[in-house]
Structure formats: structure tokens, C-alpha cells
Amino acid sequence: MRAPKNRRLVISEEIREAFFENKAVVALESTVITHGLPYPDNLNTAFELEHSVRENGGVPATIAVINGIVRVGLNEAELKQLASFKGPQKISRRDLAVVMSKNQTGGTTVATTMLIAEEAGIRVFATGGIGGVHRGAELSFDVSADLVELGRTSVCVVCAGPKAVLDIPKTLEILETKGVPVISYQCDEVPAFYYRNSGCMPSARMDSTKEIANLLAHKWNLKSWPDGLCVKGGVLLVNPIAEKDELIRDVVENAISQALLEMDVTGSDVTPYLLKRVSELTNGQSRESNISLLKNNAELAAKIASDMV
């Protein structure tokens, strides 16, 4: 593992030691801390996610930008600082240079966490759900940068599917165009974040973490072929929410429909608004499901990363 030359990317001592000792490292994003949950739920969830990774044989590397410095692996004090920070930035690829140049603080989206993880040498990343094509995108053209990043950045993203507030069929169409394998874990359909079955089919189904680790090895190690072929780009592993934490599909869809009718924001504010409003309309049930699936994904990601080392 080489240390990046950019001094504004700081890898924690724990993560450096993990690389040296060939331990399984799992990246964790930070918009769930800065924009996904209120304080102190966000901080408690951050601790729980890191604990879930450790309990399953991995070393957690939460990624964020603090005072203009990209941090890979946050300590307890840094997690507390991020969770309680007033007015944090939501940092996608577009925003990263601006935030760094202004010495600002914020949480990294799926797209930005992916590109930083790849630069740091981390191959497996756990999150809740990816962004994608928003409902009504034929008018708004609102399509998440997460899809573009998945097409070009060689990281495996473990999630509970595209966020339920999205147009999932159109999201999967773009992923196909970008050449991103969508692998379902122990299920036949792509899950829809809060509920287990979207009605959409994955590229393939796999039932063990060893199968998934083998897939990743084949995808990214083809450069060793005699002709030098290398299939860059990400893999999306969709892991359904546990049955006990699943919400009723009609309840979720009715809440989303009402939230969309009431929505008066655009751009990067859309997803945080929709998730917050759906939580309110489901009396907090969607927030509890969100926390559950986050931990579920962190556990699975740690097991996959362990099978890769």
C-alpha cells in the first residue's frame, strides 16, 4: 500500500496498520452522519456501524472531510465533531475541491466515498442505499452522481438497493449502460431499501461472501491477462433489509407520494428532504429501518472484505 502524495488526504494510523497487517478494511460514508440522521442518533449510529464492522472481522474506515482535509478513518473525537457540526456540507465529486479549498467540513456521499476509498486502496464500502434516477427525472434531469462513479471507480458498494424514493427501473437501466454488475445477495429481486422486493431483476444472484469475493477478484484482476485487459468500475451488491425490519410496501409508497407532492426543494436537497419527510409520515418507522439496514450492510461488507485478504 503506497501512501497518497496528496497531503490533504490523511489515512489514520489504525487504517495504515491494517493495510500493513493485511487486515480487511471497510469504507463507511459520512452523509448519514451529517445529513441522514439527527443528533445524537447520527453519532450513535456511526459508532454502531463501526462496531458492526469490527465484530465481523473488519477495520472500519469512516471517510469525511474535516476542515478541508480528507480523512480516511475517524477517531472518536472526529466522529463527535462531525456529528455535532453546525451546517456541514454535503460533498459529492463536484463539491470536493471547493470544500477542500475553503477548509470546510462535511459528509461524503456514495460517489465521493467511492473515489476516496479507491485512492486510499480500499475495495469494499458499506452504505445504506445508493442514489440514482429520481422520479420525474424526464422533467428534472435529476440523476445522482453515484451512478457515474459506479461506472468508473473500482469499489464494491454494499447497500440495500437504490433508495426507495427513486425510480428503481430507470436507475438499473443506467447501471447497465455503465457496465455495473448488480449482484443480489441471497435474494432473487433487487431490494428497495425499506422493503425487500422491488420487482426488478439483478444481473446475478450470489449466496455466499466467498462467491462475491471471487467475482471481485475476477473483475479487477483481469489486467494480469496476457493482453493486459482490465475491467475497471464498481460492483453494486444489493443486500435486502432483514424481514423483521422491513416496512410494508404500500405504506412506504404512500408516504413517498405524499412527500413528493409537498416537496419544495431541488438538487442535492431532494433526497435528504424525502427521507426526512417519509420518516415523519411513517412515525419514525422508516428511520429505524434505515439504521437496521445500515448495520446489516456493514456486517456483510466486513465478511466480504475478510474473504478478499
C-alpha atoms as a PDB file:
ATOM      1  CA  MET A   1       0.000   0.000   0.000  1.00  0.00           C
ATOM      2  CA  ARG A   2       1.522   3.306  -1.083  1.00  0.00           C
ATOM      3  CA  ALA A   3       0.716   6.487   0.803  1.00  0.00           C
ATOM      4  CA  PRO A   4      -1.025   9.046  -1.451  1.00  0.00           C
ATOM      5  CA  LYS A   5       1.178  12.010  -2.353  1.00  0.00           C
ATOM      6  CA  ASN A   6      -1.665  14.455  -1.700  1.00  0.00           C
ATOM      7  CA  ARG A   7      -1.049  15.666   1.837  1.00  0.00           C
ATOM      8  CA  ARG A   8      -4.673  16.755   2.125  1.00  0.00           C
ATOM      9  CA  LEU A   9      -5.709  13.110   2.191  1.00  0.00           C
ATOM     10  CA  VAL A  10      -4.892  11.686   5.621  1.00  0.00           C
ATOM     11  CA  ILE A  11      -5.180   7.983   6.346  1.00  0.00           C
ATOM     12  CA  SER A  12      -5.444   7.220  10.057  1.00  0.00           C
ATOM     13  CA  GLU A  13      -2.755   5.258  11.822  1.00  0.00           C
ATOM     14  CA  GLU A  14      -5.203   2.412  12.513  1.00  0.00           C
ATOM     15  CA  ILE A  15      -6.025   2.057   8.814  1.00  0.00           C
ATOM     16  CA  ARG A  16      -2.353   2.212   7.827  1.00  0.00           C
ATOM     17  CA  GLU A  17      -1.578  -0.552  10.312  1.00  0.00           C
ATOM     18  CA  ALA A  18      -4.497  -2.586   8.964  1.00  0.00           C
ATOM     19  CA  PHE A  19      -3.064  -2.353   5.445  1.00  0.00           C
ATOM     20  CA  PHE A  20       0.388  -3.340   6.709  1.00  0.00           C
ATOM     21  CA  GLU A  21      -1.041  -6.338   8.577  1.00  0.00           C
ATOM     22  CA  ASN A  22      -3.235  -7.318   5.599  1.00  0.00           C
ATOM     23  CA  LYS A  23      -6.487  -6.889   7.521  1.00  0.00           C
ATOM     24  CA  ALA A  24      -9.906  -6.394   5.958  1.00  0.00           C
ATOM     25  CA  VAL A  25     -10.742  -2.670   5.693  1.00  0.00           C
ATOM     26  CA  VAL A  26     -14.274  -1.425   5.020  1.00  0.00           C
ATOM     27  CA  ALA A  27     -15.074   2.137   3.967  1.00  0.00           C
ATOM     28  CA  LEU A  28     -18.087   3.884   5.518  1.00  0.00           C
ATOM     29  CA  GLU A  29     -19.658   7.074   4.173  1.00  0.00           C
ATOM     30  CA  SER A  30     -20.481  10.084   6.296  1.00  0.00           C
ATOM     31  CA  THR A  31     -23.537  11.821   4.821  1.00  0.00           C
ATOM     32  CA  VAL A  32     -25.583   9.506   7.017  1.00  0.00           C
ATOM     33  CA  ILE A  33     -23.882  11.304   9.920  1.00  0.00           C
ATOM     34  CA  THR A  34     -24.122  14.849   8.566  1.00  0.00           C
ATOM     35  CA  HIS A  35     -27.431  14.730   6.677  1.00  0.00           C
ATOM     36  CA  GLY A  36     -29.149  11.370   7.204  1.00  0.00           C
ATOM     37  CA  LEU A  37     -29.983  11.337  10.904  1.00  0.00           C
ATOM     38  CA  PRO A  38     -30.459  13.939  13.661  1.00  0.00           C
ATOM     39  CA  TYR A  39     -28.057  14.313  16.583  1.00  0.00           C
ATOM     40  CA  PRO A  40     -27.405  12.203  18.674  1.00  0.00           C
ATOM     41  CA  ASP A  41     -28.876   9.354  16.583  1.00  0.00           C
ATOM     42  CA  ASN A  42     -26.280  10.061  13.911  1.00  0.00           C
ATOM     43  CA  LEU A  43     -23.383   9.681  16.329  1.00  0.00           C
ATOM     44  CA  ASN A  44     -24.771   6.543  17.946  1.00  0.00           C
ATOM     45  CA  THR A  45     -25.340   5.010  14.513  1.00  0.00           C
ATOM     46  CA  ALA A  46     -21.790   5.871  13.435  1.00  0.00           C
ATOM     47  CA  PHE A  47     -20.450   4.044  16.498  1.00  0.00           C
ATOM     48  CA  GLU A  48     -22.767   1.085  15.857  1.00  0.00           C
ATOM     49  CA  LEU A  49     -21.665   0.785  12.218  1.00  0.00           C
ATOM     50  CA  GLU A  50     -18.002   0.778  13.170  1.00  0.00           C
ATOM     51  CA  HIS A  51     -18.770  -1.830  15.856  1.00  0.00           C
ATOM     52  CA  SER A  52     -20.606  -3.990  13.291  1.00  0.00           C
ATOM     53  CA  VAL A  53     -17.558  -3.964  11.018  1.00  0.00           C
ATOM     54  CA  ARG A  54     -15.194  -4.885  13.876  1.00  0.00           C
ATOM     55  CA  GLU A  55     -17.473  -7.666  15.129  1.00  0.00           C
ATOM     56  CA  ASN A  56     -17.307  -9.283  11.692  1.00  0.00           C
ATOM     57  CA  GLY A  57     -13.558  -9.220  11.232  1.00  0.00           C
ATOM     58  CA  GLY A  58     -13.039  -5.853   9.577  1.00  0.00           C
ATOM     59  CA  VAL A  59     -11.480  -2.482  10.342  1.00  0.00           C
ATOM     60  CA  PRO A  60     -13.866   0.469   9.752  1.00  0.00           C
ATOM     61  CA  ALA A  61     -12.665   3.467   7.762  1.00  0.00           C
ATOM     62  CA  THR A  62     -15.261   6.216   8.013  1.00  0.00           C
ATOM     63  CA  ILE A  63     -14.498   8.829   5.353  1.00  0.00           C
ATOM     64  CA  ALA A  64     -15.236  12.554   5.667  1.00  0.00           C
ATOM     65  CA  VAL A  65     -13.752  15.994   5.082  1.00  0.00           C
ATOM     66  CA  ILE A  66     -12.846  17.919   8.234  1.00  0.00           C
ATOM     67  CA  ASN A  67     -11.505  21.468   7.969  1.00  0.00           C
ATOM     68  CA  GLY A  68     -10.616  20.902   4.324  1.00  0.00           C
ATOM     69  CA  ILE A  69      -8.705  17.679   4.977  1.00  0.00           C
ATOM     70  CA  VAL A  70      -9.927  14.367   3.556  1.00  0.00           C
ATOM     71  CA  ARG A  71      -9.888  11.869   6.408  1.00  0.00           C
ATOM     72  CA  VAL A  72      -9.887   8.111   5.899  1.00  0.00           C
ATOM     73  CA  GLY A  73     -10.619   6.575   9.289  1.00  0.00           C
ATOM     74  CA  LEU A  74     -12.058   8.815  12.013  1.00  0.00           C
ATOM     75  CA  ASN A  75     -11.319   8.533  15.699  1.00  0.00           C
ATOM     76  CA  GLU A  76     -13.964   9.031  18.406  1.00  0.00           C
ATOM     77  CA  ALA A  77     -13.303  12.752  18.768  1.00  0.00           C
ATOM     78  CA  GLU A  78     -13.546  13.304  14.996  1.00  0.00           C
ATOM     79  CA  LEU A  79     -16.821  11.358  14.800  1.00  0.00           C
ATOM     80  CA  LYS A  80     -18.245  13.505  17.616  1.00  0.00           C
ATOM     81  CA  GLN A  81     -17.058  16.677  15.887  1.00  0.00           C
ATOM     82  CA  LEU A  82     -18.658  15.650  12.590  1.00  0.00           C
ATOM     83  CA  ALA A  83     -21.936  14.535  14.185  1.00  0.00           C
ATOM     84  CA  SER A  84     -22.427  17.813  16.068  1.00  0.00           C
ATOM     85  CA  PHE A  85     -21.065  20.179  13.393  1.00  0.00           C
ATOM     86  CA  LYS A  86     -23.422  23.029  12.504  1.00  0.00           C
ATOM     87  CA  GLY A  87     -24.055  23.496   8.791  1.00  0.00           C
ATOM     88  CA  PRO A  88     -21.939  20.661   7.317  1.00  0.00           C
ATOM     89  CA  GLN A  89     -21.503  20.386   3.574  1.00  0.00           C
ATOM     90  CA  LYS A  90     -22.940  17.512   1.546  1.00  0.00           C
ATOM     91  CA  ILE A  91     -19.947  16.559  -0.577  1.00  0.00           C
ATOM     92  CA  SER A  92     -20.331  14.886  -3.948  1.00  0.00           C
ATOM     93  CA  ARG A  93     -17.485  14.661  -6.501  1.00  0.00           C
ATOM     94  CA  ARG A  94     -18.439  18.086  -7.870  1.00  0.00           C
ATOM     95  CA  ASP A  95     -18.070  19.692  -4.441  1.00  0.00           C
ATOM     96  CA  LEU A  96     -14.891  18.076  -3.143  1.00  0.00           C
ATOM     97  CA  ALA A  97     -12.349  20.581  -4.485  1.00  0.00           C
ATOM     98  CA  VAL A  98     -14.476  23.550  -3.388  1.00  0.00           C
ATOM     99  CA  VAL A  99     -14.897  22.217   0.147  1.00  0.00           C
ATOM    100  CA  MET A 100     -11.176  21.486   0.448  1.00  0.00           C
ATOM    101  CA  SER A 101     -10.158  24.887  -0.915  1.00  0.00           C
ATOM    102  CA  LYS A 102     -12.404  26.618   1.622  1.00  0.00           C
ATOM    103  CA  ASN A 103     -11.286  24.421   4.547  1.00  0.00           C
ATOM    104  CA  GLN A 104     -14.871  23.345   5.127  1.00  0.00           C
ATOM    105  CA  THR A 105     -16.308  20.292   6.883  1.00  0.00           C
ATOM    106  CA  GLY A 106     -18.864  17.833   5.585  1.00  0.00           C
ATOM    107  CA  GLY A 107     -20.030  14.331   4.832  1.00  0.00           C
ATOM    108  CA  THR A 108     -19.080  12.407   1.724  1.00  0.00           C
ATOM    109  CA  THR A 109     -21.789  10.910  -0.491  1.00  0.00           C
ATOM    110  CA  VAL A 110     -21.592   7.441  -2.016  1.00  0.00           C
ATOM    111  CA  ALA A 111     -19.844   8.852  -5.101  1.00  0.00           C
ATOM    112  CA  THR A 112     -17.205  10.772  -3.158  1.00  0.00           C
ATOM    113  CA  THR A 113     -16.641   7.995  -0.644  1.00  0.00           C
ATOM    114  CA  MET A 114     -16.026   5.608  -3.546  1.00  0.00           C
ATOM    115  CA  LEU A 115     -13.396   7.771  -5.224  1.00  0.00           C
ATOM    116  CA  ILE A 116     -11.593   8.439  -1.918  1.00  0.00           C
ATOM    117  CA  ALA A 117     -11.746   4.766  -0.945  1.00  0.00           C
ATOM    118  CA  GLU A 118     -10.178   3.754  -4.262  1.00  0.00           C
ATOM    119  CA  GLU A 119      -7.417   6.323  -3.857  1.00  0.00           C
ATOM    120  CA  ALA A 120      -6.737   5.003  -0.355  1.00  0.00           C
ATOM    121  CA  GLY A 121      -6.664   1.388  -1.566  1.00  0.00           C
ATOM    122  CA  ILE A 122      -9.979   0.238  -0.031  1.00  0.00           C
ATOM    123  CA  ARG A 123     -12.082  -2.072  -2.207  1.00  0.00           C
ATOM    124  CA  VAL A 124     -15.244  -2.635  -0.134  1.00  0.00           C
ATOM    125  CA  PHE A 125     -17.635   0.074   1.007  1.00  0.00           C
ATOM    126  CA  ALA A 126     -20.847  -0.229   3.053  1.00  0.00           C
ATOM    127  CA  THR A 127     -23.698   2.253   2.869  1.00  0.00           C
ATOM    128  CA  GLY A 128     -27.481   2.328   3.260  1.00  0.00           C
ATOM    129  CA  GLY A 129     -28.713   2.833  -0.286  1.00  0.00           C
ATOM    130  CA  ILE A 130     -27.332   4.422  -3.426  1.00  0.00           C
ATOM    131  CA  GLY A 131     -28.635   7.494  -5.186  1.00  0.00           C
ATOM    132  CA  GLY A 132     -29.990   7.102  -8.688  1.00  0.00           C
ATOM    133  CA  VAL A 133     -32.599   8.364 -11.122  1.00  0.00           C
ATOM    134  CA  HIS A 134     -35.217  10.429  -9.312  1.00  0.00           C
ATOM    135  CA  ARG A 135     -38.883  10.012 -10.031  1.00  0.00           C
ATOM    136  CA  GLY A 136     -39.825  12.551 -12.676  1.00  0.00           C
ATOM    137  CA  ALA A 137     -36.248  12.758 -13.962  1.00  0.00           C
ATOM    138  CA  GLU A 138     -37.585  13.050 -17.516  1.00  0.00           C
ATOM    139  CA  LEU A 139     -38.509  16.602 -16.493  1.00  0.00           C
ATOM    140  CA  SER A 140     -35.973  17.431 -13.767  1.00  0.00           C
ATOM    141  CA  PHE A 141     -32.965  15.519 -15.201  1.00  0.00           C
ATOM    142  CA  ASP A 142     -32.128  14.718 -11.564  1.00  0.00           C
ATOM    143  CA  VAL A 143     -29.734  11.767 -11.716  1.00  0.00           C
ATOM    144  CA  SER A 144     -27.280  11.010  -8.920  1.00  0.00           C
ATOM    145  CA  ALA A 145     -23.526  11.155  -9.458  1.00  0.00           C
ATOM    146  CA  ASP A 146     -23.406   7.814  -7.614  1.00  0.00           C
ATOM    147  CA  LEU A 147     -24.294   6.053 -10.877  1.00  0.00           C
ATOM    148  CA  VAL A 148     -21.494   7.720 -12.812  1.00  0.00           C
ATOM    149  CA  GLU A 149     -18.994   6.882 -10.068  1.00  0.00           C
ATOM    150  CA  LEU A 150     -20.068   3.244 -10.007  1.00  0.00           C
ATOM    151  CA  GLY A 151     -19.253   3.069 -13.704  1.00  0.00           C
ATOM    152  CA  ARG A 152     -15.657   4.249 -13.318  1.00  0.00           C
ATOM    153  CA  THR A 153     -14.433   3.562  -9.777  1.00  0.00           C
ATOM    154  CA  SER A 154     -13.300   0.075  -8.786  1.00  0.00           C
ATOM    155  CA  VAL A 155     -15.022  -0.350  -5.439  1.00  0.00           C
ATOM    156  CA  CYS A 156     -17.703  -2.818  -4.327  1.00  0.00           C
ATOM    157  CA  VAL A 157     -20.653  -0.929  -2.833  1.00  0.00           C
ATOM    158  CA  VAL A 158     -22.727  -2.963  -0.374  1.00  0.00           C
ATOM    159  CA  CYS A 159     -26.189  -1.479   0.076  1.00  0.00           C
ATOM    160  CA  ALA A 160     -29.884  -2.297   0.477  1.00  0.00           C
ATOM    161  CA  GLY A 161     -30.565  -1.282  -3.114  1.00  0.00           C
ATOM    162  CA  PRO A 162     -31.375   2.117  -4.600  1.00  0.00           C
ATOM    163  CA  LYS A 163     -33.218   4.362  -2.165  1.00  0.00           C
ATOM    164  CA  ALA A 164     -36.963   3.673  -2.329  1.00  0.00           C
ATOM    165  CA  VAL A 165     -37.733   7.309  -3.210  1.00  0.00           C
ATOM    166  CA  LEU A 166     -36.058   6.783  -6.610  1.00  0.00           C
ATOM    167  CA  ASP A 167     -37.192   5.375  -9.946  1.00  0.00           C
ATOM    168  CA  ILE A 168     -35.557   1.976  -9.485  1.00  0.00           C
ATOM    169  CA  PRO A 169     -36.106   0.553 -13.009  1.00  0.00           C
ATOM    170  CA  LYS A 170     -34.508   3.626 -14.629  1.00  0.00           C
ATOM    171  CA  THR A 171     -31.666   3.522 -12.084  1.00  0.00           C
ATOM    172  CA  LEU A 172     -30.900  -0.078 -13.047  1.00  0.00           C
ATOM    173  CA  GLU A 173     -31.022   0.802 -16.752  1.00  0.00           C
ATOM    174  CA  ILE A 174     -28.295   3.415 -16.268  1.00  0.00           C
ATOM    175  CA  LEU A 175     -26.193   0.983 -14.238  1.00  0.00           C
ATOM    176  CA  GLU A 176     -26.464  -1.497 -17.107  1.00  0.00           C
ATOM    177  CA  THR A 177     -25.354   1.192 -19.560  1.00  0.00           C
ATOM    178  CA  LYS A 178     -22.394   1.990 -17.297  1.00  0.00           C
ATOM    179  CA  GLY A 179     -21.409  -1.705 -17.217  1.00  0.00           C
ATOM    180  CA  VAL A 180     -22.000  -2.103 -13.476  1.00  0.00           C
ATOM    181  CA  PRO A 181     -22.871  -5.637 -12.280  1.00  0.00           C
ATOM    182  CA  VAL A 182     -25.800  -5.561  -9.850  1.00  0.00           C
ATOM    183  CA  ILE A 183     -25.487  -8.643  -7.643  1.00  0.00           C
ATOM    184  CA  SER A 184     -28.258  -9.629  -5.254  1.00  0.00           C
ATOM    185  CA  TYR A 185     -27.254 -11.375  -2.036  1.00  0.00           C
ATOM    186  CA  GLN A 186     -29.432 -14.358  -1.138  1.00  0.00           C
ATOM    187  CA  CYS A 187     -32.459 -12.930  -2.939  1.00  0.00           C
ATOM    188  CA  ASP A 188     -33.945 -13.011  -6.436  1.00  0.00           C
ATOM    189  CA  GLU A 189     -35.020  -9.376  -6.774  1.00  0.00           C
ATOM    190  CA  VAL A 190     -33.295  -6.052  -6.248  1.00  0.00           C
ATOM    191  CA  PRO A 191     -34.393  -4.763  -2.818  1.00  0.00           C
ATOM    192  CA  ALA A 192     -35.864  -1.285  -2.489  1.00  0.00           C
ATOM    193  CA  PHE A 193     -34.202  -0.042   0.689  1.00  0.00           C
ATOM    194  CA  TYR A 194     -37.152  -0.142   3.123  1.00  0.00           C
ATOM    195  CA  TYR A 195     -38.729  -3.238   1.567  1.00  0.00           C
ATOM    196  CA  ARG A 196     -37.189  -6.400   0.163  1.00  0.00           C
ATOM    197  CA  ASN A 197     -38.681  -6.768  -3.314  1.00  0.00           C
ATOM    198  CA  SER A 198     -38.780  -4.062  -5.980  1.00  0.00           C
ATOM    199  CA  GLY A 199     -39.915  -6.351  -8.796  1.00  0.00           C
ATOM    200  CA  CYS A 200     -36.660  -5.635 -10.675  1.00  0.00           C
ATOM    201  CA  MET A 201     -34.104  -8.295 -11.519  1.00  0.00           C
ATOM    202  CA  PRO A 202     -30.343  -8.136 -10.726  1.00  0.00           C
ATOM    203  CA  SER A 203     -27.504  -9.109 -13.064  1.00  0.00           C
ATOM    204  CA  ALA A 204     -26.937 -12.218 -10.970  1.00  0.00           C
ATOM    205  CA  ARG A 205     -27.658 -13.763  -7.584  1.00  0.00           C
ATOM    206  CA  MET A 206     -24.927 -14.926  -5.206  1.00  0.00           C
ATOM    207  CA  ASP A 207     -25.433 -16.707  -1.909  1.00  0.00           C
ATOM    208  CA  SER A 208     -22.049 -16.576  -0.157  1.00  0.00           C
ATOM    209  CA  THR A 209     -19.418 -13.982   0.590  1.00  0.00           C
ATOM    210  CA  LYS A 210     -16.763 -16.237  -0.953  1.00  0.00           C
ATOM    211  CA  GLU A 211     -18.648 -16.158  -4.259  1.00  0.00           C
ATOM    212  CA  ILE A 212     -18.701 -12.374  -4.129  1.00  0.00           C
ATOM    213  CA  ALA A 213     -15.000 -12.113  -3.255  1.00  0.00           C
ATOM    214  CA  ASN A 214     -14.249 -14.403  -6.187  1.00  0.00           C
ATOM    215  CA  LEU A 215     -16.297 -12.184  -8.510  1.00  0.00           C
ATOM    216  CA  LEU A 216     -14.393  -9.092  -7.389  1.00  0.00           C
ATOM    217  CA  ALA A 217     -11.057 -10.827  -7.913  1.00  0.00           C
ATOM    218  CA  HIS A 218     -12.043 -11.757 -11.461  1.00  0.00           C
ATOM    219  CA  LYS A 219     -13.380  -8.297 -12.298  1.00  0.00           C
ATOM    220  CA  TRP A 220     -10.386  -6.307 -11.128  1.00  0.00           C
ATOM    221  CA  ASN A 221      -7.543  -8.770 -11.708  1.00  0.00           C
ATOM    222  CA  LEU A 222      -8.093  -9.277 -15.431  1.00  0.00           C
ATOM    223  CA  LYS A 223      -5.197  -6.869 -16.035  1.00  0.00           C
ATOM    224  CA  SER A 224      -2.937  -9.852 -15.344  1.00  0.00           C
ATOM    225  CA  TRP A 225      -4.155 -11.483 -18.560  1.00  0.00           C
ATOM    226  CA  PRO A 226      -1.531 -11.622 -21.339  1.00  0.00           C
ATOM    227  CA  ASP A 227      -3.288  -8.884 -23.341  1.00  0.00           C
ATOM    228  CA  GLY A 228      -3.477  -6.599 -20.305  1.00  0.00           C
ATOM    229  CA  LEU A 229      -7.279  -6.451 -20.152  1.00  0.00           C
ATOM    230  CA  CYS A 230      -8.629  -4.771 -17.004  1.00  0.00           C
ATOM    231  CA  VAL A 231     -12.334  -4.295 -16.307  1.00  0.00           C
ATOM    232  CA  LYS A 232     -12.437  -1.123 -14.220  1.00  0.00           C
ATOM    233  CA  GLY A 233     -15.532   0.120 -12.472  1.00  0.00           C
ATOM    234  CA  GLY A 234     -17.638  -0.737  -9.481  1.00  0.00           C
ATOM    235  CA  VAL A 235     -19.837  -3.612  -8.398  1.00  0.00           C
ATOM    236  CA  LEU A 236     -23.168  -2.989  -6.707  1.00  0.00           C
ATOM    237  CA  LEU A 237     -24.054  -5.645  -4.148  1.00  0.00           C
ATOM    238  CA  VAL A 238     -27.668  -5.347  -3.024  1.00  0.00           C
ATOM    239  CA  ASN A 239     -28.456  -6.851   0.370  1.00  0.00           C
ATOM    240  CA  PRO A 240     -32.139  -6.904   1.418  1.00  0.00           C
ATOM    241  CA  ILE A 241     -33.229  -5.425   4.720  1.00  0.00           C
ATOM    242  CA  ALA A 242     -33.954  -8.081   7.354  1.00  0.00           C
ATOM    243  CA  GLU A 243     -37.537  -9.342   7.207  1.00  0.00           C
ATOM    244  CA  LYS A 244     -38.223  -8.243  10.789  1.00  0.00           C
ATOM    245  CA  ASP A 245     -37.277  -4.653   9.909  1.00  0.00           C
ATOM    246  CA  GLU A 246     -38.989  -4.465   6.525  1.00  0.00           C
ATOM    247  CA  LEU A 247     -41.774  -1.914   6.049  1.00  0.00           C
ATOM    248  CA  ILE A 248     -44.985  -2.619   4.172  1.00  0.00           C
ATOM    249  CA  ARG A 249     -44.518  -1.567   0.560  1.00  0.00           C
ATOM    250  CA  ASP A 250     -47.839   0.293   0.275  1.00  0.00           C
ATOM    251  CA  VAL A 251     -47.116   2.256   3.447  1.00  0.00           C
ATOM    252  CA  VAL A 252     -43.746   3.362   2.074  1.00  0.00           C
ATOM    253  CA  GLU A 253     -45.083   4.219  -1.381  1.00  0.00           C
ATOM    254  CA  ASN A 254     -47.989   6.232   0.015  1.00  0.00           C
ATOM    255  CA  ALA A 255     -45.571   8.212   2.182  1.00  0.00           C
ATOM    256  CA  ILE A 256     -43.267   8.830  -0.770  1.00  0.00           C
ATOM    257  CA  SER A 257     -46.158  10.010  -2.939  1.00  0.00           C
ATOM    258  CA  GLN A 258     -47.267  12.494  -0.291  1.00  0.00           C
ATOM    259  CA  ALA A 259     -43.697  13.706   0.274  1.00  0.00           C
ATOM    260  CA  LEU A 260     -43.255  14.285  -3.464  1.00  0.00           C
ATOM    261  CA  LEU A 261     -46.466  16.317  -3.610  1.00  0.00           C
ATOM    262  CA  GLU A 262     -45.302  18.508  -0.724  1.00  0.00           C
ATOM    263  CA  MET A 263     -41.675  18.865  -1.882  1.00  0.00           C
ATOM    264  CA  ASP A 264     -40.403  22.401  -2.496  1.00  0.00           C
ATOM    265  CA  VAL A 265     -36.648  21.761  -2.788  1.00  0.00           C
ATOM    266  CA  THR A 266     -34.358  20.856  -5.684  1.00  0.00           C
ATOM    267  CA  GLY A 267     -30.884  19.466  -6.363  1.00  0.00           C
ATOM    268  CA  SER A 268     -28.877  17.920  -3.567  1.00  0.00           C
ATOM    269  CA  ASP A 269     -31.585  18.794  -1.012  1.00  0.00           C
ATOM    270  CA  VAL A 270     -34.138  16.431  -2.587  1.00  0.00           C
ATOM    271  CA  THR A 271     -33.021  13.107  -1.110  1.00  0.00           C
ATOM    272  CA  PRO A 272     -32.453  14.369   2.481  1.00  0.00           C
ATOM    273  CA  TYR A 273     -35.862  16.060   2.362  1.00  0.00           C
ATOM    274  CA  LEU A 274     -37.660  12.958   1.075  1.00  0.00           C
ATOM    275  CA  LEU A 275     -36.031  10.631   3.612  1.00  0.00           C
ATOM    276  CA  LYS A 276     -36.861  13.017   6.463  1.00  0.00           C
ATOM    277  CA  ARG A 277     -40.454  13.502   5.345  1.00  0.00           C
ATOM    278  CA  VAL A 278     -41.018   9.765   4.806  1.00  0.00           C
ATOM    279  CA  SER A 279     -39.716   9.193   8.339  1.00  0.00           C
ATOM    280  CA  GLU A 280     -42.241  11.715   9.669  1.00  0.00           C
ATOM    281  CA  LEU A 281     -45.098  10.192   7.689  1.00  0.00           C
ATOM    282  CA  THR A 282     -44.278   6.675   8.940  1.00  0.00           C
ATOM    283  CA  ASN A 283     -43.982   7.843  12.561  1.00  0.00           C
ATOM    284  CA  GLY A 284     -40.245   7.164  12.601  1.00  0.00           C
ATOM    285  CA  GLN A 285     -40.523   3.598  11.350  1.00  0.00           C
ATOM    286  CA  SER A 286     -38.503   4.302   8.194  1.00  0.00           C
ATOM    287  CA  ARG A 287     -35.682   5.792  10.283  1.00  0.00           C
ATOM    288  CA  GLU A 288     -35.474   2.659  12.406  1.00  0.00           C
ATOM    289  CA  SER A 289     -35.434   0.528   9.255  1.00  0.00           C
ATOM    290  CA  ASN A 290     -32.696   2.749   7.829  1.00  0.00           C
ATOM    291  CA  ILE A 291     -30.482   2.207  10.876  1.00  0.00           C
ATOM    292  CA  SER A 292     -31.112  -1.543  10.776  1.00  0.00           C
ATOM    293  CA  LEU A 293     -30.170  -1.940   7.130  1.00  0.00           C
ATOM    294  CA  LEU A 294     -27.053   0.183   7.601  1.00  0.00           C
ATOM    295  CA  LYS A 295     -25.785  -2.230  10.256  1.00  0.00           C
ATOM    296  CA  ASN A 296     -26.797  -5.224   8.157  1.00  0.00           C
ATOM    297  CA  ASN A 297     -24.763  -3.907   5.226  1.00  0.00           C
ATOM    298  CA  ALA A 298     -21.736  -3.106   7.389  1.00  0.00           C
ATOM    299  CA  GLU A 299     -21.704  -6.693   8.675  1.00  0.00           C
ATOM    300  CA  LEU A 300     -21.870  -8.153   5.173  1.00  0.00           C
ATOM    301  CA  ALA A 301     -19.207  -5.801   3.819  1.00  0.00           C
ATOM    302  CA  ALA A 302     -16.807  -6.834   6.590  1.00  0.00           C
ATOM    303  CA  LYS A 303     -17.321 -10.504   5.756  1.00  0.00           C
ATOM    304  CA  ILE A 304     -16.665  -9.885   2.053  1.00  0.00           C
ATOM    305  CA  ALA A 305     -13.553  -7.836   2.778  1.00  0.00           C
ATOM    306  CA  SER A 306     -12.299 -10.604   5.081  1.00  0.00           C
ATOM    307  CA  ASP A 307     -12.690 -13.146   2.275  1.00  0.00           C
ATOM    308  CA  MET A 308     -10.630 -10.913  -0.018  1.00  0.00           C
ATOM    309  CA  VAL A 309      -7.495 -10.647   2.129  1.00  0.00           C
END
